[in-house]
């Protein structure tokens, strides 16, 4: 389990049009918003990532870079980036499922063709959203077992204003006995 205020695992991935993404060397002023999505087969992911694409400039104004990652290959990731209309949002691909597990993501098995007529991969990760400070420490995490009910990016933008103005620390850091 990842713990706020502690270092996250290493994370690198090839992107569609921005070279190699390396979280440790991302160079974000405040942090990086890492969004793992299920893959091209997920219509909910496409809608969710369109919102992130729209709000990426707002995150950037607050010193936060954004990246969307999946275990899809380059072709499927490119199709998703096109579907989303990605101009600002970086799209990484071919993330090994072992890395997804290191980040605490749940892994699902294929149920065949989805409602939009796209075949699910044999195995893929469920969604996860992580805000990682520029020093490599976890600030915020949300991990899902389903494609539904994800954090709202607009709320995160507003929360970042409060967090930065008040030097609000990452929470959930206690790991002792209870």
C-alpha atoms as a PDB file:
ATOM      1  CA  UNK A   1       0.000   0.000   0.000  1.00  0.00           C
ATOM      2  CA  UNK A   2       1.260   3.470  -0.881  1.00  0.00           C
ATOM      3  CA  UNK A   3       1.466   5.868   2.062  1.00  0.00           C
ATOM      4  CA  UNK A   4       1.075   9.655   1.870  1.00  0.00           C
ATOM      5  CA  UNK A   5       4.283  11.609   2.546  1.00  0.00           C
ATOM      6  CA  UNK A   6       6.331   8.535   1.545  1.00  0.00           C
ATOM      7  CA  UNK A   7       8.101   7.953  -1.788  1.00  0.00           C
ATOM      8  CA  UNK A   8       6.112   6.284  -4.542  1.00  0.00           C
ATOM      9  CA  UNK A   9       7.534   3.474  -6.686  1.00  0.00           C
ATOM     10  CA  UNK A  10       9.476   4.390  -9.791  1.00  0.00           C
ATOM     11  CA  UNK A  11       7.320   4.997 -12.835  1.00  0.00           C
ATOM     12  CA  UNK A  12       8.383   5.282 -16.453  1.00  0.00           C
ATOM     13  CA  UNK A  13       6.429   4.811 -19.654  1.00  0.00           C
ATOM     14  CA  UNK A  14       6.713   5.652 -23.291  1.00  0.00           C
ATOM     15  CA  UNK A  15       4.220   8.299 -24.368  1.00  0.00           C
ATOM     16  CA  UNK A  16       2.423   8.857 -27.642  1.00  0.00           C
ATOM     17  CA  UNK A  17       4.078  12.178 -28.484  1.00  0.00           C
ATOM     18  CA  UNK A  18       6.154  13.366 -25.514  1.00  0.00           C
ATOM     19  CA  UNK A  19       9.012  10.846 -25.379  1.00  0.00           C
ATOM     20  CA  UNK A  20       9.644   8.839 -22.240  1.00  0.00           C
ATOM     21  CA  UNK A  21       7.697   9.830 -19.144  1.00  0.00           C
ATOM     22  CA  UNK A  22       9.804   9.413 -16.000  1.00  0.00           C
ATOM     23  CA  UNK A  23       8.039  10.506 -12.833  1.00  0.00           C
ATOM     24  CA  UNK A  24      11.311  10.993 -10.957  1.00  0.00           C
ATOM     25  CA  UNK A  25      12.480  13.496 -13.579  1.00  0.00           C
ATOM     26  CA  UNK A  26       9.154  15.044 -14.580  1.00  0.00           C
ATOM     27  CA  UNK A  27      10.203  18.510 -13.430  1.00  0.00           C
ATOM     28  CA  UNK A  28       6.816  19.616 -12.144  1.00  0.00           C
ATOM     29  CA  UNK A  29       6.950  22.668  -9.915  1.00  0.00           C
ATOM     30  CA  UNK A  30       4.484  21.313  -7.321  1.00  0.00           C
ATOM     31  CA  UNK A  31       3.662  17.782  -8.447  1.00  0.00           C
ATOM     32  CA  UNK A  32       2.395  15.372 -11.087  1.00  0.00           C
ATOM     33  CA  UNK A  33      -1.145  14.056 -11.392  1.00  0.00           C
ATOM     34  CA  UNK A  34      -0.796  10.427 -12.504  1.00  0.00           C
ATOM     35  CA  UNK A  35      -4.039   8.963 -13.843  1.00  0.00           C
ATOM     36  CA  UNK A  36      -4.136   5.263 -14.631  1.00  0.00           C
ATOM     37  CA  UNK A  37      -7.039   4.376 -16.906  1.00  0.00           C
ATOM     38  CA  UNK A  38      -8.440   0.999 -17.913  1.00  0.00           C
ATOM     39  CA  UNK A  39      -7.805   1.261 -21.658  1.00  0.00           C
ATOM     40  CA  UNK A  40      -9.375   2.046 -25.016  1.00  0.00           C
ATOM     41  CA  UNK A  41     -12.220  -0.380 -24.324  1.00  0.00           C
ATOM     42  CA  UNK A  42     -13.588   1.820 -21.499  1.00  0.00           C
ATOM     43  CA  UNK A  43     -16.072   4.530 -22.541  1.00  0.00           C
ATOM     44  CA  UNK A  44     -16.122   5.926 -18.995  1.00  0.00           C
ATOM     45  CA  UNK A  45     -12.342   6.415 -19.195  1.00  0.00           C
ATOM     46  CA  UNK A  46     -12.711   8.394 -22.426  1.00  0.00           C
ATOM     47  CA  UNK A  47     -15.216  10.767 -20.839  1.00  0.00           C
ATOM     48  CA  UNK A  48     -13.075  11.084 -17.705  1.00  0.00           C
ATOM     49  CA  UNK A  49      -9.910  11.802 -19.681  1.00  0.00           C
ATOM     50  CA  UNK A  50     -11.675  14.416 -21.829  1.00  0.00           C
ATOM     51  CA  UNK A  51     -12.289  16.324 -18.605  1.00  0.00           C
ATOM     52  CA  UNK A  52      -8.653  15.951 -17.598  1.00  0.00           C
ATOM     53  CA  UNK A  53      -7.577  17.170 -21.042  1.00  0.00           C
ATOM     54  CA  UNK A  54      -9.823  20.223 -20.614  1.00  0.00           C
ATOM     55  CA  UNK A  55      -8.442  20.987 -17.150  1.00  0.00           C
ATOM     56  CA  UNK A  56      -4.762  20.212 -17.767  1.00  0.00           C
ATOM     57  CA  UNK A  57      -3.993  23.928 -18.373  1.00  0.00           C
ATOM     58  CA  UNK A  58      -5.569  24.732 -14.979  1.00  0.00           C
ATOM     59  CA  UNK A  59      -3.397  22.120 -13.293  1.00  0.00           C
ATOM     60  CA  UNK A  60      -0.354  23.536 -15.078  1.00  0.00           C
ATOM     61  CA  UNK A  61      -1.156  27.039 -13.733  1.00  0.00           C
ATOM     62  CA  UNK A  62      -0.884  25.480 -10.266  1.00  0.00           C
ATOM     63  CA  UNK A  63       2.460  23.792 -10.947  1.00  0.00           C
ATOM     64  CA  UNK A  64       1.001  20.333 -11.587  1.00  0.00           C
ATOM     65  CA  UNK A  65       1.746  18.280 -14.693  1.00  0.00           C
ATOM     66  CA  UNK A  66      -0.658  15.578 -15.884  1.00  0.00           C
ATOM     67  CA  UNK A  67      -0.218  12.164 -17.454  1.00  0.00           C
ATOM     68  CA  UNK A  68      -2.671   9.384 -18.363  1.00  0.00           C
ATOM     69  CA  UNK A  69      -1.275   5.835 -18.338  1.00  0.00           C
ATOM     70  CA  UNK A  70      -2.523   2.377 -19.226  1.00  0.00           C
ATOM     71  CA  UNK A  71      -1.275  -1.065 -20.102  1.00  0.00           C
ATOM     72  CA  UNK A  72      -2.674  -0.635 -23.626  1.00  0.00           C
ATOM     73  CA  UNK A  73      -0.125  -0.832 -26.431  1.00  0.00           C
ATOM     74  CA  UNK A  74       0.901   2.266 -28.398  1.00  0.00           C
ATOM     75  CA  UNK A  75      -1.788   1.794 -31.052  1.00  0.00           C
ATOM     76  CA  UNK A  76      -4.661   1.547 -28.574  1.00  0.00           C
ATOM     77  CA  UNK A  77      -3.275   4.446 -26.501  1.00  0.00           C
ATOM     78  CA  UNK A  78      -3.050   6.561 -29.653  1.00  0.00           C
ATOM     79  CA  UNK A  79      -6.680   5.774 -30.449  1.00  0.00           C
ATOM     80  CA  UNK A  80      -7.680   6.841 -26.939  1.00  0.00           C
ATOM     81  CA  UNK A  81      -5.661  10.060 -27.175  1.00  0.00           C
ATOM     82  CA  UNK A  82      -7.414  10.837 -30.464  1.00  0.00           C
ATOM     83  CA  UNK A  83     -10.819  10.033 -28.978  1.00  0.00           C
ATOM     84  CA  UNK A  84     -10.074  12.397 -26.078  1.00  0.00           C
ATOM     85  CA  UNK A  85      -8.700  15.096 -28.373  1.00  0.00           C
ATOM     86  CA  UNK A  86      -5.467  15.240 -26.415  1.00  0.00           C
ATOM     87  CA  UNK A  87      -3.490  18.416 -27.041  1.00  0.00           C
ATOM     88  CA  UNK A  88      -2.306  19.031 -23.466  1.00  0.00           C
ATOM     89  CA  UNK A  89      -2.583  15.676 -21.686  1.00  0.00           C
ATOM     90  CA  UNK A  90       0.313  13.252 -22.066  1.00  0.00           C
ATOM     91  CA  UNK A  91      -0.668   9.657 -22.868  1.00  0.00           C
ATOM     92  CA  UNK A  92       1.645   6.848 -21.771  1.00  0.00           C
ATOM     93  CA  UNK A  93       1.271   3.255 -22.865  1.00  0.00           C
ATOM     94  CA  UNK A  94       2.464  -0.306 -22.300  1.00  0.00           C
ATOM     95  CA  UNK A  95       2.693   0.038 -18.519  1.00  0.00           C
ATOM     96  CA  UNK A  96       3.451  -3.462 -17.186  1.00  0.00           C
ATOM     97  CA  UNK A  97       0.757  -4.858 -14.925  1.00  0.00           C
ATOM     98  CA  UNK A  98       3.461  -5.573 -12.346  1.00  0.00           C
ATOM     99  CA  UNK A  99       3.964  -1.799 -12.133  1.00  0.00           C
ATOM    100  CA  UNK A 100       0.207  -1.281 -11.820  1.00  0.00           C
ATOM    101  CA  UNK A 101       0.204  -3.717  -8.891  1.00  0.00           C
ATOM    102  CA  UNK A 102       3.159  -1.866  -7.314  1.00  0.00           C
ATOM    103  CA  UNK A 103       0.943   1.226  -7.358  1.00  0.00           C
ATOM    104  CA  UNK A 104      -1.874  -0.682  -5.636  1.00  0.00           C
ATOM    105  CA  UNK A 105      -4.140  -0.955  -8.660  1.00  0.00           C
ATOM    106  CA  UNK A 106      -6.627  -3.768  -9.007  1.00  0.00           C
ATOM    107  CA  UNK A 107      -6.291  -6.078 -12.020  1.00  0.00           C
ATOM    108  CA  UNK A 108      -9.320  -7.343 -13.943  1.00  0.00           C
ATOM    109  CA  UNK A 109      -9.815 -10.111 -16.486  1.00  0.00           C
ATOM    110  CA  UNK A 110     -11.468  -9.674 -19.862  1.00  0.00           C
ATOM    111  CA  UNK A 111     -15.205  -9.985 -20.250  1.00  0.00           C
ATOM    112  CA  UNK A 112     -14.925  -9.871 -24.051  1.00  0.00           C
ATOM    113  CA  UNK A 113     -16.302  -7.062 -26.158  1.00  0.00           C
ATOM    114  CA  UNK A 114     -17.550  -3.940 -24.367  1.00  0.00           C
ATOM    115  CA  UNK A 115     -20.707  -1.900 -24.977  1.00  0.00           C
ATOM    116  CA  UNK A 116     -18.786   0.205 -27.524  1.00  0.00           C
ATOM    117  CA  UNK A 117     -17.645  -2.858 -29.475  1.00  0.00           C
ATOM    118  CA  UNK A 118     -14.002  -2.910 -28.372  1.00  0.00           C
ATOM    119  CA  UNK A 119     -12.370  -6.066 -27.046  1.00  0.00           C
ATOM    120  CA  UNK A 120     -11.003  -5.878 -23.508  1.00  0.00           C
ATOM    121  CA  UNK A 121      -7.398  -7.032 -23.051  1.00  0.00           C
ATOM    122  CA  UNK A 122      -6.957 -10.393 -21.302  1.00  0.00           C
ATOM    123  CA  UNK A 123      -5.781  -8.488 -18.197  1.00  0.00           C
ATOM    124  CA  UNK A 124      -5.859  -4.761 -17.433  1.00  0.00           C
ATOM    125  CA  UNK A 125      -5.726  -2.470 -14.426  1.00  0.00           C
ATOM    126  CA  UNK A 126      -8.665  -0.659 -12.933  1.00  0.00           C
ATOM    127  CA  UNK A 127      -8.401   3.131 -12.499  1.00  0.00           C
ATOM    128  CA  UNK A 128      -6.237   4.998 -10.048  1.00  0.00           C
ATOM    129  CA  UNK A 129      -5.504   8.683  -9.514  1.00  0.00           C
ATOM    130  CA  UNK A 130      -2.346   9.788  -7.709  1.00  0.00           C
ATOM    131  CA  UNK A 131      -1.053  13.246  -6.950  1.00  0.00           C
ATOM    132  CA  UNK A 132       2.697  12.953  -6.411  1.00  0.00           C
ATOM    133  CA  UNK A 133       4.690  15.881  -5.050  1.00  0.00           C
ATOM    134  CA  UNK A 134       7.734  17.000  -7.002  1.00  0.00           C
ATOM    135  CA  UNK A 135       9.941  15.414  -4.295  1.00  0.00           C
ATOM    136  CA  UNK A 136       8.491  11.983  -5.210  1.00  0.00           C
ATOM    137  CA  UNK A 137       6.201  11.645  -2.183  1.00  0.00           C
ATOM    138  CA  UNK A 138       2.566  10.633  -2.442  1.00  0.00           C
ATOM    139  CA  UNK A 139       0.150  13.441  -1.628  1.00  0.00           C
ATOM    140  CA  UNK A 140      -3.226  12.004  -2.679  1.00  0.00           C
ATOM    141  CA  UNK A 141      -4.466   8.642  -3.963  1.00  0.00           C
ATOM    142  CA  UNK A 142      -7.752   7.176  -5.123  1.00  0.00           C
ATOM    143  CA  UNK A 143      -7.877   3.579  -6.331  1.00  0.00           C
ATOM    144  CA  UNK A 144     -11.011   1.988  -7.801  1.00  0.00           C
ATOM    145  CA  UNK A 145     -12.138  -1.606  -8.276  1.00  0.00           C
ATOM    146  CA  UNK A 146     -14.623  -0.500 -10.947  1.00  0.00           C
ATOM    147  CA  UNK A 147     -14.728   2.084 -13.724  1.00  0.00           C
ATOM    148  CA  UNK A 148     -17.379   4.067 -11.829  1.00  0.00           C
ATOM    149  CA  UNK A 149     -17.257   6.826  -9.180  1.00  0.00           C
ATOM    150  CA  UNK A 150     -13.925   8.571  -9.682  1.00  0.00           C
ATOM    151  CA  UNK A 151     -12.527  11.786  -8.180  1.00  0.00           C
ATOM    152  CA  UNK A 152     -13.603  14.953  -9.995  1.00  0.00           C
ATOM    153  CA  UNK A 153     -10.754  16.885 -11.580  1.00  0.00           C
ATOM    154  CA  UNK A 154     -12.512  20.246 -11.155  1.00  0.00           C
ATOM    155  CA  UNK A 155     -12.668  19.639  -7.391  1.00  0.00           C
ATOM    156  CA  UNK A 156      -8.949  18.787  -7.396  1.00  0.00           C
ATOM    157  CA  UNK A 157      -8.136  22.099  -9.078  1.00  0.00           C
ATOM    158  CA  UNK A 158     -10.029  23.977  -6.352  1.00  0.00           C
ATOM    159  CA  UNK A 159      -8.481  21.847  -3.635  1.00  0.00           C
ATOM    160  CA  UNK A 160      -5.001  22.621  -4.952  1.00  0.00           C
ATOM    161  CA  UNK A 161      -5.634  26.333  -4.417  1.00  0.00           C
ATOM    162  CA  UNK A 162      -6.504  25.647  -0.768  1.00  0.00           C
ATOM    163  CA  UNK A 163      -3.653  23.158  -0.291  1.00  0.00           C
ATOM    164  CA  UNK A 164      -1.055  25.540  -1.644  1.00  0.00           C
ATOM    165  CA  UNK A 165      -2.392  28.615   0.194  1.00  0.00           C
ATOM    166  CA  UNK A 166      -2.426  26.759   3.516  1.00  0.00           C
ATOM    167  CA  UNK A 167       0.566  24.450   3.100  1.00  0.00           C
ATOM    168  CA  UNK A 168      -1.850  21.602   3.808  1.00  0.00           C
ATOM    169  CA  UNK A 169      -0.013  18.289   4.307  1.00  0.00           C
ATOM    170  CA  UNK A 170      -0.814  14.931   2.709  1.00  0.00           C
ATOM    171  CA  UNK A 171      -3.104  12.977   5.023  1.00  0.00           C
ATOM    172  CA  UNK A 172      -3.375   9.255   5.830  1.00  0.00           C
ATOM    173  CA  UNK A 173       0.313   8.983   6.744  1.00  0.00           C
ATOM    174  CA  UNK A 174      -0.106   7.169  10.077  1.00  0.00           C
ATOM    175  CA  UNK A 175       0.975   3.519   9.939  1.00  0.00           C
ATOM    176  CA  UNK A 176       1.238   2.637  13.648  1.00  0.00           C
ATOM    177  CA  UNK A 177      -0.992   0.506  15.828  1.00  0.00           C
ATOM    178  CA  UNK A 178      -4.645   1.444  16.218  1.00  0.00           C
END
